[in-house]
Amino acid sequence: MSPKTKQIVGWVLAGLISALFLFSASGKLMPNEESLKMAGNFGLDASAFKMLGVVELVSVLLFLYPRTGVLGTLLLASYMGGAIATHLEHGDSIVAPCVIQAVLWIVAVFRFPELKSRIMSNS
């Protein structure tokens, strides 16, 4: 695969995963009755729910910007770790957050070759 093709594929994959996170963040920043009820089931009030939306939005913007992409990856991965823990605590399925987490890391390793070399290195 040529470097140009790799770059295009990386941006398309980053766009897809980012769209998912942006959709999620918009639901938290402009909540409806249904999403606030779901947040309440997790023990979150409206202000905490909005703050999660802000954190998610900032993280995805950092992920999209190439110079801060690795930092954004780490923040989104941490965010998804919190989602997995919350789902476990409340007895919900963790399949969706785990799949999103895995796809996030696949996209990040594809976009940021330095991550692959760090993860795969022996020292």
PDB file of N, CA and C in Angstrom:
ATOM      1  N   MET A   1       0.857  -1.173   0.000  1.00  0.00           N
ATOM      2  CA  MET A   1       0.000   0.000   0.000  1.00  0.00           C
ATOM      3  C   MET A   1       0.907   1.242   0.000  1.00  0.00           C
ATOM      4  N   SER A   2       0.591   2.179  -0.874  1.00  0.00           N
ATOM      5  CA  SER A   2       1.408   3.393  -0.969  1.00  0.00           C
ATOM      6  C   SER A   2       1.172   4.296   0.247  1.00  0.00           C
ATOM      7  N   PRO A   3       2.129   5.156   0.553  1.00  0.00           N
ATOM      8  CA  PRO A   3       1.960   6.063   1.698  1.00  0.00           C
ATOM      9  C   PRO A   3       0.720   6.951   1.575  1.00  0.00           C
ATOM     10  N   LYS A   4       0.417   7.382   0.359  1.00  0.00           N
ATOM     11  CA  LYS A   4      -0.763   8.228   0.144  1.00  0.00           C
ATOM     12  C   LYS A   4      -2.046   7.444   0.445  1.00  0.00           C
ATOM     13  N   THR A   5      -2.098   6.197  -0.009  1.00  0.00           N
ATOM     14  CA  THR A   5      -3.269   5.353   0.258  1.00  0.00           C
ATOM     15  C   THR A   5      -3.413   5.099   1.750  1.00  0.00           C
ATOM     16  N   LYS A   6      -2.289   4.827   2.431  1.00  0.00           N
ATOM     17  CA  LYS A   6      -2.329   4.620   3.884  1.00  0.00           C
ATOM     18  C   LYS A   6      -2.865   5.857   4.593  1.00  0.00           C
ATOM     19  N   GLN A   7      -2.438   7.023   4.131  1.00  0.00           N
ATOM     20  CA  GLN A   7      -2.896   8.263   4.750  1.00  0.00           C
ATOM     21  C   GLN A   7      -4.398   8.445   4.540  1.00  0.00           C
ATOM     22  N   ILE A   8      -4.879   8.161   3.346  1.00  0.00           N
ATOM     23  CA  ILE A   8      -6.316   8.301   3.058  1.00  0.00           C
ATOM     24  C   ILE A   8      -7.117   7.320   3.898  1.00  0.00           C
ATOM     25  N   VAL A   9      -6.671   6.068   3.948  1.00  0.00           N
ATOM     26  CA  VAL A   9      -7.375   5.061   4.749  1.00  0.00           C
ATOM     27  C   VAL A   9      -7.366   5.463   6.216  1.00  0.00           C
ATOM     28  N   GLY A  10      -6.231   5.970   6.696  1.00  0.00           N
ATOM     29  CA  GLY A  10      -6.143   6.415   8.085  1.00  0.00           C
ATOM     30  C   GLY A  10      -7.139   7.519   8.394  1.00  0.00           C
ATOM     31  N   TRP A  11      -7.263   8.476   7.498  1.00  0.00           N
ATOM     32  CA  TRP A  11      -8.201   9.578   7.723  1.00  0.00           C
ATOM     33  C   TRP A  11      -9.650   9.114   7.642  1.00  0.00           C
ATOM     34  N   VAL A  12      -9.941   8.196   6.728  1.00  0.00           N
ATOM     35  CA  VAL A  12     -11.317   7.675   6.636  1.00  0.00           C
ATOM     36  C   VAL A  12     -11.680   6.932   7.913  1.00  0.00           C
ATOM     37  N   LEU A  13     -10.779   6.067   8.389  1.00  0.00           N
ATOM     38  CA  LEU A  13     -11.037   5.329   9.632  1.00  0.00           C
ATOM     39  C   LEU A  13     -11.158   6.279  10.818  1.00  0.00           C
ATOM     40  N   ALA A  14     -10.279   7.279  10.876  1.00  0.00           N
ATOM     41  CA  ALA A  14     -10.349   8.260  11.957  1.00  0.00           C
ATOM     42  C   ALA A  14     -11.657   9.031  11.894  1.00  0.00           C
ATOM     43  N   GLY A  15     -12.107   9.346  10.696  1.00  0.00           N
ATOM     44  CA  GLY A  15     -13.379  10.049  10.540  1.00  0.00           C
ATOM     45  C   GLY A  15     -14.551   9.227  11.029  1.00  0.00           C
ATOM     46  N   LEU A  16     -14.532   7.932  10.746  1.00  0.00           N
ATOM     47  CA  LEU A  16     -15.635   7.060  11.171  1.00  0.00           C
ATOM     48  C   LEU A  16     -15.700   6.932  12.693  1.00  0.00           C
ATOM     49  N   ILE A  17     -14.558   6.660  13.321  1.00  0.00           N
ATOM     50  CA  ILE A  17     -14.563   6.513  14.782  1.00  0.00           C
ATOM     51  C   ILE A  17     -14.852   7.848  15.446  1.00  0.00           C
ATOM     52  N   SER A  18     -14.360   8.935  14.852  1.00  0.00           N
ATOM     53  CA  SER A  18     -14.623  10.265  15.405  1.00  0.00           C
ATOM     54  C   SER A  18     -16.097  10.628  15.293  1.00  0.00           C
ATOM     55  N   ALA A  19     -16.727  10.246  14.196  1.00  0.00           N
ATOM     56  CA  ALA A  19     -18.158  10.512  14.034  1.00  0.00           C
ATOM     57  C   ALA A  19     -18.955   9.830  15.133  1.00  0.00           C
ATOM     58  N   LEU A  20     -18.557   8.615  15.484  1.00  0.00           N
ATOM     59  CA  LEU A  20     -19.225   7.892  16.567  1.00  0.00           C
ATOM     60  C   LEU A  20     -19.099   8.655  17.885  1.00  0.00           C
ATOM     61  N   PHE A  21     -17.874   9.099  18.203  1.00  0.00           N
ATOM     62  CA  PHE A  21     -17.658   9.844  19.444  1.00  0.00           C
ATOM     63  C   PHE A  21     -18.346  11.213  19.410  1.00  0.00           C
ATOM     64  N   LEU A  22     -18.347  11.879  18.256  1.00  0.00           N
ATOM     65  CA  LEU A  22     -19.022  13.178  18.147  1.00  0.00           C
ATOM     66  C   LEU A  22     -20.531  13.033  18.326  1.00  0.00           C
ATOM     67  N   PHE A  23     -21.099  11.973  17.775  1.00  0.00           N
ATOM     68  CA  PHE A  23     -22.521  11.710  17.957  1.00  0.00           C
ATOM     69  C   PHE A  23     -22.833  11.481  19.433  1.00  0.00           C
ATOM     70  N   SER A  24     -21.982  10.711  20.092  1.00  0.00           N
ATOM     71  CA  SER A  24     -22.162  10.454  21.518  1.00  0.00           C
ATOM     72  C   SER A  24     -22.036  11.737  22.340  1.00  0.00           C
ATOM     73  N   ALA A  25     -21.024  12.552  22.013  1.00  0.00           N
ATOM     74  CA  ALA A  25     -20.815  13.808  22.744  1.00  0.00           C
ATOM     75  C   ALA A  25     -21.992  14.765  22.535  1.00  0.00           C
ATOM     76  N   SER A  26     -22.513  14.829  21.320  1.00  0.00           N
ATOM     77  CA  SER A  26     -23.643  15.728  21.061  1.00  0.00           C
ATOM     78  C   SER A  26     -24.871  15.300  21.856  1.00  0.00           C
ATOM     79  N   GLY A  27     -25.045  14.003  22.039  1.00  0.00           N
ATOM     80  CA  GLY A  27     -26.154  13.523  22.857  1.00  0.00           C
ATOM     81  C   GLY A  27     -26.025  13.912  24.317  1.00  0.00           C
ATOM     82  N   LYS A  28     -24.797  14.079  24.765  1.00  0.00           N
ATOM     83  CA  LYS A  28     -24.569  14.499  26.153  1.00  0.00           C
ATOM     84  C   LYS A  28     -24.649  16.019  26.304  1.00  0.00           C
ATOM     85  N   LEU A  29     -24.222  16.734  25.275  1.00  0.00           N
ATOM     86  CA  LEU A  29     -24.237  18.197  25.337  1.00  0.00           C
ATOM     87  C   LEU A  29     -25.627  18.775  25.074  1.00  0.00           C
ATOM     88  N   MET A  30     -26.433  18.056  24.304  1.00  0.00           N
ATOM     89  CA  MET A  30     -27.811  18.476  24.024  1.00  0.00           C
ATOM     90  C   MET A  30     -28.748  17.317  24.373  1.00  0.00           C
ATOM     91  N   PRO A  31     -28.830  17.010  25.664  1.00  0.00           N
ATOM     92  CA  PRO A  31     -29.550  15.791  26.061  1.00  0.00           C
ATOM     93  C   PRO A  31     -31.054  15.912  25.861  1.00  0.00           C
ATOM     94  N   ASN A  32     -31.660  14.763  25.611  1.00  0.00           N
ATOM     95  CA  ASN A  32     -33.119  14.672  25.585  1.00  0.00           C
ATOM     96  C   ASN A  32     -33.565  13.898  26.825  1.00  0.00           C
ATOM     97  N   GLU A  33     -34.825  13.749  26.967  1.00  0.00           N
ATOM     98  CA  GLU A  33     -35.384  13.085  28.153  1.00  0.00           C
ATOM     99  C   GLU A  33     -34.866  11.648  28.300  1.00  0.00           C
ATOM    100  N   GLU A  34     -34.781  10.951  27.171  1.00  0.00           N
ATOM    101  CA  GLU A  34     -34.331   9.553  27.187  1.00  0.00           C
ATOM    102  C   GLU A  34     -32.874   9.440  27.662  1.00  0.00           C
ATOM    103  N   SER A  35     -31.993  10.296  27.137  1.00  0.00           N
ATOM    104  CA  SER A  35     -30.581  10.202  27.525  1.00  0.00           C
ATOM    105  C   SER A  35     -30.367  10.628  28.976  1.00  0.00           C
ATOM    106  N   LEU A  36     -31.138  11.605  29.438  1.00  0.00           N
ATOM    107  CA  LEU A  36     -31.030  12.005  30.845  1.00  0.00           C
ATOM    108  C   LEU A  36     -31.520  10.891  31.772  1.00  0.00           C
ATOM    109  N   LYS A  37     -32.536  10.154  31.328  1.00  0.00           N
ATOM    110  CA  LYS A  37     -33.024   9.025  32.128  1.00  0.00           C
ATOM    111  C   LYS A  37     -31.949   7.939  32.210  1.00  0.00           C
ATOM    112  N   MET A  38     -31.282   7.674  31.074  1.00  0.00           N
ATOM    113  CA  MET A  38     -30.205   6.690  31.054  1.00  0.00           C
ATOM    114  C   MET A  38     -29.057   7.140  31.964  1.00  0.00           C
ATOM    115  N   ALA A  39     -28.719   8.436  31.906  1.00  0.00           N
ATOM    116  CA  ALA A  39     -27.659   8.969  32.765  1.00  0.00           C
ATOM    117  C   ALA A  39     -28.041   8.818  34.226  1.00  0.00           C
ATOM    118  N   GLY A  40     -29.308   9.078  34.545  1.00  0.00           N
ATOM    119  CA  GLY A  40     -29.787   8.924  35.913  1.00  0.00           C
ATOM    120  C   GLY A  40     -29.659   7.494  36.397  1.00  0.00           C
ATOM    121  N   ASN A  41     -29.878   6.536  35.499  1.00  0.00           N
ATOM    122  CA  ASN A  41     -29.716   5.123  35.858  1.00  0.00           C
ATOM    123  C   ASN A  41     -28.268   4.805  36.216  1.00  0.00           C
ATOM    124  N   PHE A  42     -27.332   5.546  35.636  1.00  0.00           N
ATOM    125  CA  PHE A  42     -25.917   5.364  35.951  1.00  0.00           C
ATOM    126  C   PHE A  42     -25.483   6.222  37.128  1.00  0.00           C
ATOM    127  N   GLY A  43     -26.416   6.975  37.705  1.00  0.00           N
ATOM    128  CA  GLY A  43     -26.093   7.800  38.862  1.00  0.00           C
ATOM    129  C   GLY A  43     -25.523   9.165  38.504  1.00  0.00           C
ATOM    130  N   LEU A  44     -25.778   9.636  37.290  1.00  0.00           N
ATOM    131  CA  LEU A  44     -25.250  10.929  36.846  1.00  0.00           C
ATOM    132  C   LEU A  44     -26.373  11.960  36.782  1.00  0.00           C
ATOM    133  N   ASP A  45     -26.083  13.165  37.243  1.00  0.00           N
ATOM    134  CA  ASP A  45     -27.055  14.240  37.067  1.00  0.00           C
ATOM    135  C   ASP A  45     -26.766  14.946  35.738  1.00  0.00           C
ATOM    136  N   ALA A  46     -27.595  15.920  35.379  1.00  0.00           N
ATOM    137  CA  ALA A  46     -27.488  16.576  34.072  1.00  0.00           C
ATOM    138  C   ALA A  46     -26.153  17.295  33.895  1.00  0.00           C
ATOM    139  N   SER A  47     -25.648  17.941  34.955  1.00  0.00           N
ATOM    140  CA  SER A  47     -24.385  18.678  34.815  1.00  0.00           C
ATOM    141  C   SER A  47     -23.202  17.724  34.624  1.00  0.00           C
ATOM    142  N   ALA A  48     -23.190  16.615  35.320  1.00  0.00           N
ATOM    143  CA  ALA A  48     -22.116  15.631  35.146  1.00  0.00           C
ATOM    144  C   ALA A  48     -22.186  15.014  33.750  1.00  0.00           C
ATOM    145  N   PHE A  49     -23.393  14.802  33.264  1.00  0.00           N
ATOM    146  CA  PHE A  49     -23.593  14.237  31.930  1.00  0.00           C
ATOM    147  C   PHE A  49     -23.047  15.190  30.868  1.00  0.00           C
ATOM    148  N   LYS A  50     -23.313  16.492  31.042  1.00  0.00           N
ATOM    149  CA  LYS A  50     -22.785  17.484  30.100  1.00  0.00           C
ATOM    150  C   LYS A  50     -21.261  17.547  30.177  1.00  0.00           C
ATOM    151  N   MET A  51     -20.711  17.449  31.379  1.00  0.00           N
ATOM    152  CA  MET A  51     -19.254  17.476  31.524  1.00  0.00           C
ATOM    153  C   MET A  51     -18.620  16.295  30.799  1.00  0.00           C
ATOM    154  N   LEU A  52     -19.248  15.124  30.863  1.00  0.00           N
ATOM    155  CA  LEU A  52     -18.744  13.975  30.103  1.00  0.00           C
ATOM    156  C   LEU A  52     -18.752  14.278  28.609  1.00  0.00           C
ATOM    157  N   GLY A  53     -19.774  14.979  28.148  1.00  0.00           N
ATOM    158  CA  GLY A  53     -19.840  15.370  26.744  1.00  0.00           C
ATOM    159  C   GLY A  53     -18.702  16.300  26.362  1.00  0.00           C
ATOM    160  N   VAL A  54     -18.364  17.227  27.251  1.00  0.00           N
ATOM    161  CA  VAL A  54     -17.250  18.146  26.995  1.00  0.00           C
ATOM    162  C   VAL A  54     -15.934  17.368  26.932  1.00  0.00           C
ATOM    163  N   VAL A  55     -15.729  16.475  27.885  1.00  0.00           N
ATOM    164  CA  VAL A  55     -14.509  15.658  27.902  1.00  0.00           C
ATOM    165  C   VAL A  55     -14.410  14.833  26.621  1.00  0.00           C
ATOM    166  N   GLU A  56     -15.500  14.246  26.224  1.00  0.00           N
ATOM    167  CA  GLU A  56     -15.519  13.426  25.016  1.00  0.00           C
ATOM    168  C   GLU A  56     -15.229  14.272  23.775  1.00  0.00           C
ATOM    169  N   LEU A  57     -15.823  15.445  23.696  1.00  0.00           N
ATOM    170  CA  LEU A  57     -15.614  16.334  22.557  1.00  0.00           C
ATOM    171  C   LEU A  57     -14.160  16.798  22.468  1.00  0.00           C
ATOM    172  N   VAL A  58     -13.604  17.240  23.580  1.00  0.00           N
ATOM    173  CA  VAL A  58     -12.200  17.684  23.589  1.00  0.00           C
ATOM    174  C   VAL A  58     -11.278  16.521  23.208  1.00  0.00           C
ATOM    175  N   SER A  59     -11.555  15.348  23.728  1.00  0.00           N
ATOM    176  CA  SER A  59     -10.721  14.176  23.433  1.00  0.00           C
ATOM    177  C   SER A  59     -10.746  13.827  21.950  1.00  0.00           C
ATOM    178  N   VAL A  60     -11.921  13.862  21.346  1.00  0.00           N
ATOM    179  CA  VAL A  60     -12.015  13.502  19.926  1.00  0.00           C
ATOM    180  C   VAL A  60     -11.361  14.573  19.054  1.00  0.00           C
ATOM    181  N   LEU A  61     -11.444  15.836  19.458  1.00  0.00           N
ATOM    182  CA  LEU A  61     -10.760  16.892  18.701  1.00  0.00           C
ATOM    183  C   LEU A  61      -9.246  16.720  18.780  1.00  0.00           C
ATOM    184  N   LEU A  62      -8.746  16.359  19.959  1.00  0.00           N
ATOM    185  CA  LEU A  62      -7.320  16.080  20.106  1.00  0.00           C
ATOM    186  C   LEU A  62      -6.915  14.866  19.269  1.00  0.00           C
ATOM    187  N   PHE A  63      -7.774  13.874  19.204  1.00  0.00           N
ATOM    188  CA  PHE A  63      -7.526  12.673  18.409  1.00  0.00           C
ATOM    189  C   PHE A  63      -7.432  13.012  16.917  1.00  0.00           C
ATOM    190  N   LEU A  64      -8.288  13.894  16.455  1.00  0.00           N
ATOM    191  CA  LEU A  64      -8.315  14.233  15.030  1.00  0.00           C
ATOM    192  C   LEU A  64      -7.116  15.072  14.593  1.00  0.00           C
ATOM    193  N   TYR A  65      -6.627  15.929  15.461  1.00  0.00           N
ATOM    194  CA  TYR A  65      -5.498  16.790  15.113  1.00  0.00           C
ATOM    195  C   TYR A  65      -4.216  15.958  15.160  1.00  0.00           C
ATOM    196  N   PRO A  66      -3.499  15.838  14.051  1.00  0.00           N
ATOM    197  CA  PRO A  66      -2.350  14.920  13.994  1.00  0.00           C
ATOM    198  C   PRO A  66      -1.289  15.137  15.076  1.00  0.00           C
ATOM    199  N   ARG A  67      -0.987  16.370  15.437  1.00  0.00           N
ATOM    200  CA  ARG A  67       0.071  16.616  16.436  1.00  0.00           C
ATOM    201  C   ARG A  67      -0.330  16.155  17.832  1.00  0.00           C
ATOM    202  N   THR A  68      -1.623  16.103  18.105  1.00  0.00           N
ATOM    203  CA  THR A  68      -2.092  15.680  19.431  1.00  0.00           C
ATOM    204  C   THR A  68      -2.874  14.369  19.354  1.00  0.00           C
ATOM    205  N   GLY A  69      -2.755  13.675  18.230  1.00  0.00           N
ATOM    206  CA  GLY A  69      -3.534  12.459  18.010  1.00  0.00           C
ATOM    207  C   GLY A  69      -3.279  11.354  19.019  1.00  0.00           C
ATOM    208  N   VAL A  70      -2.022  11.178  19.403  1.00  0.00           N
ATOM    209  CA  VAL A  70      -1.698  10.121  20.374  1.00  0.00           C
ATOM    210  C   VAL A  70      -2.315  10.459  21.732  1.00  0.00           C
ATOM    211  N   LEU A  71      -2.221  11.726  22.132  1.00  0.00           N
ATOM    212  CA  LEU A  71      -2.853  12.154  23.384  1.00  0.00           C
ATOM    213  C   LEU A  71      -4.363  11.938  23.322  1.00  0.00           C
ATOM    214  N   GLY A  72      -4.979  12.307  22.204  1.00  0.00           N
ATOM    215  CA  GLY A  72      -6.416  12.083  22.030  1.00  0.00           C
ATOM    216  C   GLY A  72      -6.766  10.611  22.099  1.00  0.00           C
ATOM    217  N   THR A  73      -5.907   9.771  21.519  1.00  0.00           N
ATOM    218  CA  THR A  73      -6.128   8.316  21.593  1.00  0.00           C
ATOM    219  C   THR A  73      -6.131   7.848  23.039  1.00  0.00           C
ATOM    220  N   LEU A  74      -5.150   8.298  23.810  1.00  0.00           N
ATOM    221  CA  LEU A  74      -5.072   7.885  25.212  1.00  0.00           C
ATOM    222  C   LEU A  74      -6.278   8.377  26.008  1.00  0.00           C
ATOM    223  N   LEU A  75      -6.723   9.602  25.743  1.00  0.00           N
ATOM    224  CA  LEU A  75      -7.893  10.129  26.445  1.00  0.00           C
ATOM    225  C   LEU A  75      -9.163   9.371  26.068  1.00  0.00           C
ATOM    226  N   LEU A  76      -9.338   9.078  24.785  1.00  0.00           N
ATOM    227  CA  LEU A  76     -10.523   8.325  24.361  1.00  0.00           C
ATOM    228  C   LEU A  76     -10.489   6.895  24.895  1.00  0.00           C
ATOM    229  N   ALA A  77      -9.305   6.295  24.921  1.00  0.00           N
ATOM    230  CA  ALA A  77      -9.178   4.941  25.467  1.00  0.00           C
ATOM    231  C   ALA A  77      -9.513   4.941  26.960  1.00  0.00           C
ATOM    232  N   SER A  78      -9.060   5.971  27.671  1.00  0.00           N
ATOM    233  CA  SER A  78      -9.385   6.087  29.101  1.00  0.00           C
ATOM    234  C   SER A  78     -10.877   6.301  29.292  1.00  0.00           C
ATOM    235  N   TYR A  79     -11.455   7.127  28.446  1.00  0.00           N
ATOM    236  CA  TYR A  79     -12.895   7.394  28.500  1.00  0.00           C
ATOM    237  C   TYR A  79     -13.676   6.088  28.303  1.00  0.00           C
ATOM    238  N   MET A  80     -13.255   5.298  27.322  1.00  0.00           N
ATOM    239  CA  MET A  80     -13.936   4.025  27.068  1.00  0.00           C
ATOM    240  C   MET A  80     -13.704   3.032  28.203  1.00  0.00           C
ATOM    241  N   GLY A  81     -12.536   3.106  28.837  1.00  0.00           N
ATOM    242  CA  GLY A  81     -12.300   2.266  30.014  1.00  0.00           C
ATOM    243  C   GLY A  81     -13.288   2.597  31.120  1.00  0.00           C
ATOM    244  N   GLY A  82     -13.557   3.889  31.298  1.00  0.00           N
ATOM    245  CA  GLY A  82     -14.559   4.306  32.274  1.00  0.00           C
ATOM    246  C   GLY A  82     -15.948   3.819  31.888  1.00  0.00           C
ATOM    247  N   ALA A  83     -16.244   3.846  30.600  1.00  0.00           N
ATOM    248  CA  ALA A  83     -17.546   3.354  30.133  1.00  0.00           C
ATOM    249  C   ALA A  83     -17.684   1.856  30.403  1.00  0.00           C
ATOM    250  N   ILE A  84     -16.613   1.122  30.163  1.00  0.00           N
ATOM    251  CA  ILE A  84     -16.637  -0.321  30.428  1.00  0.00           C
ATOM    252  C   ILE A  84     -16.854  -0.577  31.915  1.00  0.00           C
ATOM    253  N   ALA A  85     -16.142   0.157  32.762  1.00  0.00           N
ATOM    254  CA  ALA A  85     -16.287  -0.017  34.213  1.00  0.00           C
ATOM    255  C   ALA A  85     -17.701   0.329  34.662  1.00  0.00           C
ATOM    256  N   THR A  86     -18.259   1.391  34.114  1.00  0.00           N
ATOM    257  CA  THR A  86     -19.623   1.791  34.480  1.00  0.00           C
ATOM    258  C   THR A  86     -20.630   0.725  34.059  1.00  0.00           C
ATOM    259  N   HIS A  87     -20.459   0.190  32.864  1.00  0.00           N
ATOM    260  CA  HIS A  87     -21.368  -0.867  32.405  1.00  0.00           C
ATOM    261  C   HIS A  87     -21.245  -2.112  33.277  1.00  0.00           C
ATOM    262  N   LEU A  88     -20.024  -2.453  33.653  1.00  0.00           N
ATOM    263  CA  LEU A  88     -19.831  -3.605  34.536  1.00  0.00           C
ATOM    264  C   LEU A  88     -20.495  -3.384  35.891  1.00  0.00           C
ATOM    265  N   GLU A  89     -20.325  -2.187  36.424  1.00  0.00           N
ATOM    266  CA  GLU A  89     -20.891  -1.866  37.737  1.00  0.00           C
ATOM    267  C   GLU A  89     -22.409  -1.981  37.750  1.00  0.00           C
ATOM    268  N   HIS A  90     -23.040  -1.667  36.622  1.00  0.00           N
ATOM    269  CA  HIS A  90     -24.501  -1.674  36.563  1.00  0.00           C
ATOM    270  C   HIS A  90     -25.063  -2.923  35.884  1.00  0.00           C
ATOM    271  N   GLY A  91     -24.215  -3.894  35.623  1.00  0.00           N
ATOM    272  CA  GLY A  91     -24.678  -5.162  35.065  1.00  0.00           C
ATOM    273  C   GLY A  91     -25.099  -5.092  33.612  1.00  0.00           C
ATOM    274  N   ASP A  92     -24.644  -4.068  32.876  1.00  0.00           N
ATOM    275  CA  ASP A  92     -24.959  -3.946  31.457  1.00  0.00           C
ATOM    276  C   ASP A  92     -23.902  -4.659  30.624  1.00  0.00           C
ATOM    277  N   SER A  93     -24.242  -4.924  29.381  1.00  0.00           N
ATOM    278  CA  SER A  93     -23.301  -5.574  28.470  1.00  0.00           C
ATOM    279  C   SER A  93     -22.120  -4.640  28.175  1.00  0.00           C
ATOM    280  N   ILE A  94     -20.942  -5.227  28.137  1.00  0.00           N
ATOM    281  CA  ILE A  94     -19.743  -4.429  27.836  1.00  0.00           C
ATOM    282  C   ILE A  94     -19.256  -4.661  26.406  1.00  0.00           C
ATOM    283  N   VAL A  95     -20.021  -5.372  25.611  1.00  0.00           N
ATOM    284  CA  VAL A  95     -19.585  -5.700  24.253  1.00  0.00           C
ATOM    285  C   VAL A  95     -19.371  -4.431  23.424  1.00  0.00           C
ATOM    286  N   ALA A  96     -20.339  -3.537  23.398  1.00  0.00           N
ATOM    287  CA  ALA A  96     -20.225  -2.330  22.564  1.00  0.00           C
ATOM    288  C   ALA A  96     -19.026  -1.466  22.967  1.00  0.00           C
ATOM    289  N   PRO A  97     -18.860  -1.116  24.267  1.00  0.00           N
ATOM    290  CA  PRO A  97     -17.683  -0.306  24.592  1.00  0.00           C
ATOM    291  C   PRO A  97     -16.363  -1.016  24.320  1.00  0.00           C
ATOM    292  N   CYS A  98     -16.316  -2.331  24.472  1.00  0.00           N
ATOM    293  CA  CYS A  98     -15.083  -3.068  24.183  1.00  0.00           C
ATOM    294  C   CYS A  98     -14.771  -3.059  22.684  1.00  0.00           C
ATOM    295  N   VAL A  99     -15.792  -3.196  21.865  1.00  0.00           N
ATOM    296  CA  VAL A  99     -15.594  -3.155  20.413  1.00  0.00           C
ATOM    297  C   VAL A  99     -15.121  -1.763  19.990  1.00  0.00           C
ATOM    298  N   ILE A 100     -15.747  -0.728  20.540  1.00  0.00           N
ATOM    299  CA  ILE A 100     -15.341   0.640  20.217  1.00  0.00           C
ATOM    300  C   ILE A 100     -13.895   0.865  20.648  1.00  0.00           C
ATOM    301  N   GLN A 101     -13.545   0.394  21.821  1.00  0.00           N
ATOM    302  CA  GLN A 101     -12.166   0.516  22.323  1.00  0.00           C
ATOM    303  C   GLN A 101     -11.184  -0.182  21.376  1.00  0.00           C
ATOM    304  N   ALA A 102     -11.513  -1.387  20.944  1.00  0.00           N
ATOM    305  CA  ALA A 102     -10.632  -2.134  20.046  1.00  0.00           C
ATOM    306  C   ALA A 102     -10.480  -1.420  18.705  1.00  0.00           C
ATOM    307  N   VAL A 103     -11.583  -0.941  18.152  1.00  0.00           N
ATOM    308  CA  VAL A 103     -11.527  -0.225  16.870  1.00  0.00           C
ATOM    309  C   VAL A 103     -10.713   1.059  17.020  1.00  0.00           C
ATOM    310  N   LEU A 104     -10.884   1.754  18.121  1.00  0.00           N
ATOM    311  CA  LEU A 104     -10.105   2.965  18.385  1.00  0.00           C
ATOM    312  C   LEU A 104      -8.614   2.667  18.328  1.00  0.00           C
ATOM    313  N   TRP A 105      -8.186   1.595  18.992  1.00  0.00           N
ATOM    314  CA  TRP A 105      -6.759   1.253  19.003  1.00  0.00           C
ATOM    315  C   TRP A 105      -6.274   0.818  17.628  1.00  0.00           C
ATOM    316  N   ILE A 106      -7.099   0.102  16.884  1.00  0.00           N
ATOM    317  CA  ILE A 106      -6.719  -0.304  15.524  1.00  0.00           C
ATOM    318  C   ILE A 106      -6.499   0.934  14.658  1.00  0.00           C
ATOM    319  N   VAL A 107      -7.428   1.873  14.726  1.00  0.00           N
ATOM    320  CA  VAL A 107      -7.315   3.108  13.948  1.00  0.00           C
ATOM    321  C   VAL A 107      -6.077   3.890  14.387  1.00  0.00           C
ATOM    322  N   ALA A 108      -5.853   3.983  15.690  1.00  0.00           N
ATOM    323  CA  ALA A 108      -4.709   4.751  16.203  1.00  0.00           C
ATOM    324  C   ALA A 108      -3.388   4.138  15.756  1.00  0.00           C
ATOM    325  N   VAL A 109      -3.268   2.828  15.815  1.00  0.00           N
ATOM    326  CA  VAL A 109      -2.025   2.172  15.393  1.00  0.00           C
ATOM    327  C   VAL A 109      -1.818   2.359  13.896  1.00  0.00           C
ATOM    328  N   PHE A 110      -2.902   2.351  13.141  1.00  0.00           N
ATOM    329  CA  PHE A 110      -2.801   2.571  11.699  1.00  0.00           C
ATOM    330  C   PHE A 110      -2.384   4.008  11.396  1.00  0.00           C
ATOM    331  N   ARG A 111      -2.965   4.968  12.115  1.00  0.00           N
ATOM    332  CA  ARG A 111      -2.678   6.389  11.871  1.00  0.00           C
ATOM    333  C   ARG A 111      -1.340   6.839  12.421  1.00  0.00           C
ATOM    334  N   PHE A 112      -0.945   6.285  13.554  1.00  0.00           N
ATOM    335  CA  PHE A 112       0.269   6.740  14.234  1.00  0.00           C
ATOM    336  C   PHE A 112       1.261   5.581  14.334  1.00  0.00           C
ATOM    337  N   PRO A 113       2.117   5.434  13.334  1.00  0.00           N
ATOM    338  CA  PRO A 113       3.057   4.302  13.322  1.00  0.00           C
ATOM    339  C   PRO A 113       3.942   4.239  14.574  1.00  0.00           C
ATOM    340  N   GLU A 114       4.195   5.389  15.204  1.00  0.00           N
ATOM    341  CA  GLU A 114       5.018   5.379  16.414  1.00  0.00           C
ATOM    342  C   GLU A 114       4.357   4.573  17.533  1.00  0.00           C
ATOM    343  N   LEU A 115       3.038   4.516  17.541  1.00  0.00           N
ATOM    344  CA  LEU A 115       2.340   3.683  18.531  1.00  0.00           C
ATOM    345  C   LEU A 115       2.636   2.210  18.290  1.00  0.00           C
ATOM    346  N   LYS A 116       2.590   1.815  17.029  1.00  0.00           N
ATOM    347  CA  LYS A 116       2.867   0.415  16.708  1.00  0.00           C
ATOM    348  C   LYS A 116       4.280   0.045  17.138  1.00  0.00           C
ATOM    349  N   SER A 117       5.250   0.917  16.849  1.00  0.00           N
ATOM    350  CA  SER A 117       6.631   0.599  17.232  1.00  0.00           C
ATOM    351  C   SER A 117       6.778   0.567  18.753  1.00  0.00           C
ATOM    352  N   ARG A 118       6.066   1.431  19.478  1.00  0.00           N
ATOM    353  CA  ARG A 118       6.133   1.438  20.950  1.00  0.00           C
ATOM    354  C   ARG A 118       5.477   0.177  21.534  1.00  0.00           C
ATOM    355  N   ILE A 119       4.329  -0.181  20.999  1.00  0.00           N
ATOM    356  CA  ILE A 119       3.583  -1.330  21.520  1.00  0.00           C
ATOM    357  C   ILE A 119       4.310  -2.631  21.224  1.00  0.00           C
ATOM    358  N   MET A 120       4.888  -2.730  20.038  1.00  0.00           N
ATOM    359  CA  MET A 120       5.512  -3.978  19.604  1.00  0.00           C
ATOM    360  C   MET A 120       6.983  -4.107  20.008  1.00  0.00           C
ATOM    361  N   SER A 121       7.589  -3.053  20.557  1.00  0.00           N
ATOM    362  CA  SER A 121       9.021  -3.130  20.882  1.00  0.00           C
ATOM    363  C   SER A 121       9.259  -4.039  22.098  1.00  0.00           C
ATOM    364  N   ASN A 122      10.428  -4.609  22.135  1.00  0.00           N
ATOM    365  CA  ASN A 122      10.784  -5.521  23.230  1.00  0.00           C
ATOM    366  C   ASN A 122      11.337  -4.793  24.441  1.00  0.00           C
ATOM    367  N   SER A 123      11.745  -3.552  24.295  1.00  0.00           N
ATOM    368  CA  SER A 123      12.326  -2.857  25.443  1.00  0.00           C
ATOM    369  C   SER A 123      11.519  -1.672  25.849  1.00  0.00           C
TER     370      SER A 123
END
